[in-house]
Amino acid sequence: MDAKFFRKYSDMIVEVEAAINDAWFEKGAFSTFKKPAVEKYEIASAPGTVETLEGPVKYDTGHYIMTGPKGEQYPITPEKFREYKDDLGNGECTPKKIPKVAKLADHDGILHTGWGDLNYIAGNDYIVKHGPGDYGAVKADIFAKTYDTSNIQ
């Protein structure tokens, strides 16, 4: 899944080339992982759209609709669920301890992903790299609650 970064300049949006993205992301990034905590989910019985904190994201039947620590919701595919979560049953799971890389956003922008556009704000959101070409945006307060922050420099 290729993610593209876009920067907002006034009322224009300008795409930043992938090579620049990697260079930007690596400078100041740190290693992290999701903290072990019970998370709630539902499995979608029909396609729809969920209003995430970063903008609307569409989902299909069978996608997992996760509920975060502040009641926010976001969808993930069944494949990503199995890759990233340990299912406890009865609508509960825990994150697997998978190394990730993160960086506090230093500019406002939009992260275009295969599942939707995620808006991020400088100093208020972290960009998390889950794997090659797989990025997400996480609000700083939620990041502090759900990710290990011992490696932040």
N, C-alpha and C. Protein backbone atom coordinates (compact mmCIF):
# COMPACT_ATOMS: atom_id res chain seq x y z
N MET A 1 0.85 -1.16 0.00
CA MET A 1 0.00 0.00 0.00
C MET A 1 0.90 1.23 0.00
N ASP A 2 0.87 2.02 -1.05
CA ASP A 2 1.70 3.20 -1.12
C ASP A 2 1.00 4.37 -0.46
N ALA A 3 1.74 5.05 0.40
CA ALA A 3 1.23 6.26 1.02
C ALA A 3 1.97 7.44 0.41
N LYS A 4 1.28 8.50 0.18
CA LYS A 4 1.90 9.71 -0.35
C LYS A 4 1.66 10.82 0.64
N PHE A 5 2.67 11.63 0.86
CA PHE A 5 2.54 12.77 1.73
C PHE A 5 2.24 14.00 0.90
N PHE A 6 1.41 14.86 1.42
CA PHE A 6 1.09 16.11 0.77
C PHE A 6 1.28 17.20 1.81
N ARG A 7 1.76 18.35 1.41
CA ARG A 7 1.89 19.48 2.31
C ARG A 7 0.87 20.54 1.93
N LYS A 8 0.33 21.18 2.96
CA LYS A 8 -0.60 22.28 2.73
C LYS A 8 0.19 23.59 2.73
N TYR A 9 0.05 24.37 1.72
CA TYR A 9 0.62 25.71 1.65
C TYR A 9 -0.53 26.65 1.41
N SER A 10 -0.90 27.41 2.43
CA SER A 10 -2.05 28.31 2.34
C SER A 10 -3.25 27.47 1.93
N ASP A 11 -3.84 27.73 0.76
CA ASP A 11 -4.98 26.93 0.34
C ASP A 11 -4.62 25.96 -0.78
N MET A 12 -3.31 25.79 -1.04
CA MET A 12 -2.87 24.83 -2.05
C MET A 12 -2.37 23.57 -1.36
N ILE A 13 -2.47 22.45 -2.04
CA ILE A 13 -1.89 21.20 -1.56
C ILE A 13 -0.89 20.75 -2.60
N VAL A 14 0.34 20.50 -2.15
CA VAL A 14 1.41 20.14 -3.07
C VAL A 14 1.95 18.77 -2.66
N GLU A 15 2.05 17.84 -3.63
CA GLU A 15 2.58 16.51 -3.35
C GLU A 15 4.08 16.59 -3.12
N VAL A 16 4.57 15.89 -2.12
CA VAL A 16 5.99 15.80 -1.84
C VAL A 16 6.47 14.47 -2.40
N GLU A 17 7.53 14.47 -3.17
CA GLU A 17 8.01 13.25 -3.81
C GLU A 17 8.39 12.19 -2.77
N ALA A 18 8.26 10.92 -3.15
CA ALA A 18 8.50 9.81 -2.24
C ALA A 18 9.91 9.82 -1.66
N ALA A 19 10.91 10.14 -2.47
CA ALA A 19 12.30 10.15 -1.98
C ALA A 19 12.46 11.20 -0.88
N ILE A 20 11.82 12.34 -1.05
CA ILE A 20 11.86 13.38 -0.03
C ILE A 20 11.12 12.90 1.21
N ASN A 21 10.01 12.19 1.03
CA ASN A 21 9.27 11.68 2.18
C ASN A 21 10.14 10.80 3.06
N ASP A 22 10.84 9.85 2.45
CA ASP A 22 11.68 8.95 3.21
C ASP A 22 12.77 9.72 3.95
N ALA A 23 13.39 10.67 3.29
CA ALA A 23 14.44 11.47 3.92
C ALA A 23 13.84 12.29 5.05
N TRP A 24 12.68 12.92 4.81
CA TRP A 24 12.03 13.70 5.86
C TRP A 24 11.66 12.79 7.03
N PHE A 25 11.09 11.64 6.73
CA PHE A 25 10.61 10.77 7.79
C PHE A 25 11.76 10.24 8.65
N GLU A 26 12.85 9.85 8.02
CA GLU A 26 13.96 9.24 8.76
C GLU A 26 14.65 10.23 9.70
N LYS A 27 14.70 11.50 9.34
CA LYS A 27 15.36 12.50 10.19
C LYS A 27 14.46 12.80 11.39
N GLY A 28 14.92 12.40 12.57
CA GLY A 28 14.15 12.63 13.78
C GLY A 28 13.17 11.54 14.14
N ALA A 29 13.10 10.47 13.35
CA ALA A 29 12.19 9.37 13.66
C ALA A 29 12.78 8.51 14.78
N PHE A 30 11.93 7.78 15.47
CA PHE A 30 12.38 6.94 16.57
C PHE A 30 11.61 5.62 16.55
N SER A 31 12.20 4.61 17.18
CA SER A 31 11.57 3.29 17.26
C SER A 31 10.50 3.29 18.35
N THR A 32 9.44 2.55 18.10
CA THR A 32 8.35 2.46 19.07
C THR A 32 7.56 1.18 18.81
N PHE A 33 6.56 0.92 19.62
CA PHE A 33 5.62 -0.17 19.44
C PHE A 33 4.37 0.17 20.23
N LYS A 34 3.25 -0.48 19.88
CA LYS A 34 2.02 -0.24 20.62
C LYS A 34 2.10 -0.93 21.98
N LYS A 35 1.65 -0.23 23.00
CA LYS A 35 1.60 -0.78 24.35
C LYS A 35 0.54 -1.89 24.41
N PRO A 36 0.78 -2.90 25.25
CA PRO A 36 -0.24 -3.95 25.40
C PRO A 36 -1.44 -3.38 26.15
N ALA A 37 -2.58 -3.39 25.52
CA ALA A 37 -3.82 -2.91 26.13
C ALA A 37 -4.98 -3.58 25.41
N VAL A 38 -6.06 -3.80 26.10
CA VAL A 38 -7.24 -4.39 25.48
C VAL A 38 -7.92 -3.33 24.63
N GLU A 39 -8.20 -3.69 23.39
CA GLU A 39 -8.89 -2.80 22.45
C GLU A 39 -10.21 -3.45 22.06
N LYS A 40 -11.19 -2.64 21.78
CA LYS A 40 -12.51 -3.13 21.37
C LYS A 40 -12.64 -3.04 19.85
N TYR A 41 -13.42 -3.96 19.28
CA TYR A 41 -13.70 -3.92 17.85
C TYR A 41 -15.08 -4.50 17.56
N GLU A 42 -15.59 -4.14 16.39
CA GLU A 42 -16.79 -4.74 15.81
C GLU A 42 -16.42 -5.12 14.38
N ILE A 43 -17.08 -6.11 13.83
CA ILE A 43 -16.86 -6.49 12.44
C ILE A 43 -18.02 -5.93 11.62
N ALA A 44 -17.67 -5.17 10.58
CA ALA A 44 -18.68 -4.51 9.75
C ALA A 44 -19.55 -5.53 9.02
N SER A 45 -20.87 -5.37 9.12
CA SER A 45 -21.80 -6.27 8.43
C SER A 45 -22.20 -5.72 7.07
N ALA A 46 -21.79 -4.48 6.79
CA ALA A 46 -22.08 -3.84 5.49
C ALA A 46 -21.03 -2.77 5.25
N PRO A 47 -20.80 -2.38 3.99
CA PRO A 47 -19.84 -1.31 3.71
C PRO A 47 -20.33 0.01 4.31
N GLY A 48 -19.40 0.91 4.57
CA GLY A 48 -19.78 2.20 5.12
C GLY A 48 -18.58 3.12 5.21
N THR A 49 -18.76 4.18 5.96
CA THR A 49 -17.70 5.16 6.20
C THR A 49 -17.69 5.48 7.68
N VAL A 50 -16.51 5.55 8.25
CA VAL A 50 -16.38 5.94 9.65
C VAL A 50 -15.64 7.28 9.67
N GLU A 51 -16.08 8.17 10.54
CA GLU A 51 -15.44 9.48 10.68
C GLU A 51 -14.31 9.33 11.71
N THR A 52 -13.07 9.17 11.21
CA THR A 52 -11.92 9.06 12.11
C THR A 52 -11.52 10.46 12.56
N LEU A 53 -10.60 10.54 13.49
CA LEU A 53 -10.11 11.84 13.95
C LEU A 53 -9.35 12.57 12.85
N GLU A 54 -8.87 11.83 11.85
CA GLU A 54 -8.10 12.42 10.75
C GLU A 54 -8.93 12.61 9.48
N GLY A 55 -10.21 12.26 9.52
CA GLY A 55 -11.08 12.42 8.36
C GLY A 55 -11.88 11.15 8.08
N PRO A 56 -12.82 11.21 7.12
CA PRO A 56 -13.66 10.05 6.82
C PRO A 56 -12.87 8.95 6.12
N VAL A 57 -13.12 7.70 6.51
CA VAL A 57 -12.44 6.55 5.91
C VAL A 57 -13.51 5.50 5.59
N LYS A 58 -13.50 5.02 4.36
CA LYS A 58 -14.46 3.98 3.93
C LYS A 58 -13.99 2.60 4.38
N TYR A 59 -14.95 1.71 4.57
CA TYR A 59 -14.63 0.32 4.90
C TYR A 59 -15.60 -0.59 4.17
N ASP A 60 -15.22 -1.87 4.08
CA ASP A 60 -16.04 -2.88 3.42
C ASP A 60 -16.60 -3.85 4.44
N THR A 61 -17.55 -4.65 4.02
CA THR A 61 -18.08 -5.72 4.85
C THR A 61 -16.92 -6.60 5.30
N GLY A 62 -16.90 -6.96 6.57
CA GLY A 62 -15.85 -7.82 7.10
C GLY A 62 -14.67 -7.07 7.68
N HIS A 63 -14.56 -5.76 7.43
CA HIS A 63 -13.48 -4.98 8.04
C HIS A 63 -13.74 -4.84 9.54
N TYR A 64 -12.68 -4.69 10.27
CA TYR A 64 -12.78 -4.51 11.71
C TYR A 64 -12.86 -3.02 12.01
N ILE A 65 -13.85 -2.63 12.78
CA ILE A 65 -14.00 -1.24 13.20
C ILE A 65 -13.47 -1.16 14.62
N MET A 66 -12.28 -0.60 14.75
CA MET A 66 -11.60 -0.51 16.05
C MET A 66 -12.09 0.72 16.80
N THR A 67 -12.13 0.62 18.13
CA THR A 67 -12.46 1.75 18.98
C THR A 67 -11.24 2.05 19.84
N GLY A 68 -10.75 3.29 19.74
CA GLY A 68 -9.55 3.71 20.46
C GLY A 68 -9.84 4.17 21.87
N PRO A 69 -8.80 4.63 22.58
CA PRO A 69 -8.91 4.97 24.00
C PRO A 69 -9.81 6.16 24.30
N LYS A 70 -10.09 7.00 23.32
CA LYS A 70 -10.96 8.16 23.53
C LYS A 70 -12.32 7.96 22.85
N GLY A 71 -12.61 6.71 22.45
CA GLY A 71 -13.87 6.42 21.79
C GLY A 71 -13.83 6.65 20.28
N GLU A 72 -12.68 7.08 19.77
CA GLU A 72 -12.53 7.29 18.32
C GLU A 72 -12.55 5.95 17.62
N GLN A 73 -12.98 5.95 16.38
CA GLN A 73 -13.05 4.71 15.62
C GLN A 73 -12.26 4.81 14.33
N TYR A 74 -11.78 3.65 13.89
CA TYR A 74 -11.07 3.55 12.61
C TYR A 74 -11.17 2.12 12.13
N PRO A 75 -11.26 1.93 10.79
CA PRO A 75 -11.37 0.58 10.25
C PRO A 75 -10.00 0.00 9.87
N ILE A 76 -9.89 -1.32 9.95
CA ILE A 76 -8.72 -2.01 9.39
C ILE A 76 -9.22 -3.28 8.70
N THR A 77 -8.47 -3.70 7.71
CA THR A 77 -8.86 -4.89 6.96
C THR A 77 -8.66 -6.14 7.82
N PRO A 78 -9.34 -7.23 7.47
CA PRO A 78 -9.12 -8.47 8.21
C PRO A 78 -7.66 -8.92 8.17
N GLU A 79 -6.98 -8.69 7.04
CA GLU A 79 -5.56 -9.07 6.93
C GLU A 79 -4.70 -8.27 7.90
N LYS A 80 -4.93 -6.96 7.96
CA LYS A 80 -4.17 -6.10 8.88
C LYS A 80 -4.51 -6.45 10.33
N PHE A 81 -5.77 -6.77 10.59
CA PHE A 81 -6.16 -7.16 11.94
C PHE A 81 -5.35 -8.37 12.38
N ARG A 82 -5.30 -9.39 11.54
CA ARG A 82 -4.55 -10.61 11.90
C ARG A 82 -3.05 -10.33 12.03
N GLU A 83 -2.54 -9.40 11.21
CA GLU A 83 -1.12 -9.06 11.25
C GLU A 83 -0.76 -8.27 12.52
N TYR A 84 -1.64 -7.35 12.93
CA TYR A 84 -1.32 -6.40 14.00
C TYR A 84 -1.93 -6.73 15.35
N LYS A 85 -2.95 -7.60 15.41
CA LYS A 85 -3.70 -7.82 16.65
C LYS A 85 -3.74 -9.29 17.04
N ASP A 86 -3.84 -9.54 18.34
CA ASP A 86 -4.14 -10.86 18.88
C ASP A 86 -5.59 -10.82 19.33
N ASP A 87 -6.44 -11.64 18.70
CA ASP A 87 -7.87 -11.64 18.98
C ASP A 87 -8.14 -12.38 20.28
N LEU A 88 -8.78 -11.71 21.23
CA LEU A 88 -9.15 -12.32 22.50
C LEU A 88 -10.57 -12.87 22.46
N GLY A 89 -11.30 -12.59 21.36
CA GLY A 89 -12.69 -13.01 21.24
C GLY A 89 -13.62 -11.98 21.85
N ASN A 90 -14.91 -12.15 21.62
CA ASN A 90 -15.94 -11.27 22.19
C ASN A 90 -15.70 -9.79 21.92
N GLY A 91 -15.15 -9.46 20.74
CA GLY A 91 -14.96 -8.06 20.38
C GLY A 91 -13.79 -7.37 21.07
N GLU A 92 -12.82 -8.15 21.55
CA GLU A 92 -11.64 -7.58 22.20
C GLU A 92 -10.37 -8.18 21.62
N CYS A 93 -9.33 -7.36 21.59
CA CYS A 93 -8.03 -7.81 21.09
C CYS A 93 -6.93 -7.00 21.78
N THR A 94 -5.70 -7.41 21.57
CA THR A 94 -4.54 -6.65 22.03
C THR A 94 -3.58 -6.50 20.86
N PRO A 95 -2.82 -5.40 20.84
CA PRO A 95 -1.85 -5.23 19.75
C PRO A 95 -0.66 -6.16 19.93
N LYS A 96 -0.18 -6.69 18.82
CA LYS A 96 1.06 -7.47 18.86
C LYS A 96 2.23 -6.50 19.04
N LYS A 97 3.29 -6.96 19.68
CA LYS A 97 4.46 -6.10 19.89
C LYS A 97 5.31 -6.12 18.62
N ILE A 98 4.98 -5.22 17.72
CA ILE A 98 5.64 -5.12 16.42
C ILE A 98 6.43 -3.82 16.38
N PRO A 99 7.73 -3.88 16.10
CA PRO A 99 8.51 -2.63 16.01
C PRO A 99 7.98 -1.73 14.91
N LYS A 100 7.88 -0.45 15.23
CA LYS A 100 7.43 0.56 14.28
C LYS A 100 8.37 1.75 14.39
N VAL A 101 8.22 2.69 13.49
CA VAL A 101 8.99 3.92 13.52
C VAL A 101 8.00 5.07 13.48
N ALA A 102 8.26 6.12 14.26
CA ALA A 102 7.34 7.25 14.32
C ALA A 102 8.10 8.57 14.33
N LYS A 103 7.36 9.63 14.00
CA LYS A 103 7.94 10.97 14.01
C LYS A 103 6.81 11.96 14.23
N LEU A 104 7.08 12.97 15.07
CA LEU A 104 6.12 14.04 15.27
C LEU A 104 6.09 14.89 14.01
N ALA A 105 4.91 15.13 13.47
CA ALA A 105 4.77 15.93 12.25
C ALA A 105 5.29 17.34 12.50
N ASP A 106 6.09 17.86 11.58
CA ASP A 106 6.62 19.22 11.69
C ASP A 106 5.98 20.15 10.67
N HIS A 107 4.95 19.67 10.00
CA HIS A 107 4.18 20.49 9.05
C HIS A 107 2.77 19.91 8.95
N ASP A 108 1.81 20.72 8.57
CA ASP A 108 0.45 20.25 8.33
C ASP A 108 0.42 19.55 6.98
N GLY A 109 -0.41 18.53 6.85
CA GLY A 109 -0.51 17.87 5.56
C GLY A 109 -1.58 16.80 5.54
N ILE A 110 -1.59 16.06 4.44
CA ILE A 110 -2.53 14.98 4.23
C ILE A 110 -1.73 13.74 3.84
N LEU A 111 -2.00 12.66 4.51
CA LEU A 111 -1.38 11.38 4.21
C LEU A 111 -2.38 10.58 3.41
N HIS A 112 -2.11 10.35 2.13
CA HIS A 112 -3.01 9.57 1.28
C HIS A 112 -2.63 8.10 1.40
N THR A 113 -3.58 7.29 1.83
CA THR A 113 -3.35 5.86 2.00
C THR A 113 -4.35 5.09 1.16
N GLY A 114 -4.19 3.80 1.10
CA GLY A 114 -5.11 2.96 0.36
C GLY A 114 -6.49 2.91 0.97
N TRP A 115 -6.65 3.31 2.23
CA TRP A 115 -7.95 3.25 2.88
C TRP A 115 -8.57 4.63 3.09
N GLY A 116 -7.86 5.70 2.74
CA GLY A 116 -8.44 7.03 2.86
C GLY A 116 -7.38 8.09 3.09
N ASP A 117 -7.81 9.32 3.11
CA ASP A 117 -6.93 10.46 3.34
C ASP A 117 -6.94 10.79 4.83
N LEU A 118 -5.74 10.91 5.40
CA LEU A 118 -5.62 11.22 6.82
C LEU A 118 -4.94 12.58 6.96
N ASN A 119 -5.63 13.53 7.55
CA ASN A 119 -5.06 14.86 7.79
C ASN A 119 -4.17 14.80 9.03
N TYR A 120 -3.06 15.51 8.99
CA TYR A 120 -2.21 15.61 10.17
C TYR A 120 -1.78 17.06 10.36
N ILE A 121 -1.47 17.39 11.62
CA ILE A 121 -1.16 18.77 12.00
C ILE A 121 0.19 18.80 12.71
N ALA A 122 1.02 19.77 12.34
CA ALA A 122 2.34 19.93 12.95
C ALA A 122 2.22 20.03 14.47
N GLY A 123 3.05 19.26 15.17
CA GLY A 123 3.09 19.30 16.62
C GLY A 123 1.92 18.64 17.31
N ASN A 124 0.91 18.21 16.57
CA ASN A 124 -0.29 17.62 17.15
C ASN A 124 -0.48 16.16 16.75
N ASP A 125 0.23 15.71 15.71
CA ASP A 125 0.07 14.35 15.21
C ASP A 125 1.42 13.69 14.99
N TYR A 126 1.44 12.40 15.21
CA TYR A 126 2.60 11.58 14.87
C TYR A 126 2.30 10.83 13.59
N ILE A 127 3.32 10.71 12.74
CA ILE A 127 3.24 9.84 11.57
C ILE A 127 3.91 8.55 12.00
N VAL A 128 3.20 7.43 11.86
CA VAL A 128 3.72 6.12 12.27
C VAL A 128 3.91 5.28 11.01
N LYS A 129 5.11 4.72 10.88
CA LYS A 129 5.40 3.81 9.77
C LYS A 129 5.26 2.39 10.31
N HIS A 130 4.22 1.70 9.82
CA HIS A 130 3.95 0.34 10.26
C HIS A 130 4.81 -0.67 9.51
N GLY A 131 5.18 -0.33 8.28
CA GLY A 131 5.98 -1.18 7.42
C GLY A 131 6.24 -0.43 6.13
N PRO A 132 6.90 -1.06 5.16
CA PRO A 132 7.20 -0.38 3.90
C PRO A 132 5.93 0.16 3.23
N GLY A 133 5.89 1.48 3.01
CA GLY A 133 4.76 2.11 2.35
C GLY A 133 3.47 2.12 3.15
N ASP A 134 3.50 1.76 4.43
CA ASP A 134 2.31 1.66 5.27
C ASP A 134 2.43 2.66 6.43
N TYR A 135 1.82 3.83 6.25
CA TYR A 135 1.90 4.91 7.23
C TYR A 135 0.52 5.20 7.80
N GLY A 136 0.50 5.77 8.98
CA GLY A 136 -0.74 6.25 9.59
C GLY A 136 -0.46 7.52 10.35
N ALA A 137 -1.52 8.24 10.69
CA ALA A 137 -1.43 9.47 11.49
C ALA A 137 -2.14 9.21 12.81
N VAL A 138 -1.51 9.62 13.92
CA VAL A 138 -2.06 9.40 15.26
C VAL A 138 -1.96 10.71 16.04
N LYS A 139 -3.06 11.14 16.64
CA LYS A 139 -3.07 12.34 17.47
C LYS A 139 -2.07 12.17 18.61
N ALA A 140 -1.37 13.24 18.99
CA ALA A 140 -0.30 13.18 19.99
C ALA A 140 -0.78 12.62 21.33
N ASP A 141 -1.97 13.03 21.79
CA ASP A 141 -2.44 12.53 23.08
C ASP A 141 -2.76 11.04 23.02
N ILE A 142 -3.29 10.58 21.91
CA ILE A 142 -3.58 9.15 21.74
C ILE A 142 -2.27 8.38 21.58
N PHE A 143 -1.31 8.95 20.85
CA PHE A 143 -0.01 8.32 20.69
C PHE A 143 0.62 8.09 22.07
N ALA A 144 0.58 9.10 22.94
CA ALA A 144 1.17 8.99 24.28
C ALA A 144 0.52 7.89 25.10
N LYS A 145 -0.79 7.66 24.90
CA LYS A 145 -1.50 6.62 25.64
C LYS A 145 -1.26 5.23 25.08
N THR A 146 -1.06 5.12 23.77
CA THR A 146 -1.08 3.81 23.14
C THR A 146 0.27 3.31 22.63
N TYR A 147 1.28 4.17 22.54
CA TYR A 147 2.59 3.77 22.04
C TYR A 147 3.65 3.93 23.12
N ASP A 148 4.67 3.09 23.07
CA ASP A 148 5.81 3.22 23.96
C ASP A 148 6.58 4.47 23.54
N THR A 149 6.78 5.38 24.47
CA THR A 149 7.44 6.65 24.17
C THR A 149 8.83 6.76 24.79
N SER A 150 9.38 5.65 25.26
CA SER A 150 10.68 5.70 25.94
C SER A 150 11.84 6.03 25.00
N ASN A 151 11.65 5.88 23.68
CA ASN A 151 12.72 6.18 22.73
C ASN A 151 12.61 7.55 22.07
N ILE A 152 11.63 8.37 22.51
CA ILE A 152 11.50 9.70 21.94
C ILE A 152 12.71 10.53 22.37
N GLN A 153 13.32 11.17 21.37
CA GLN A 153 14.53 11.96 21.66
C GLN A 153 14.21 13.42 21.73
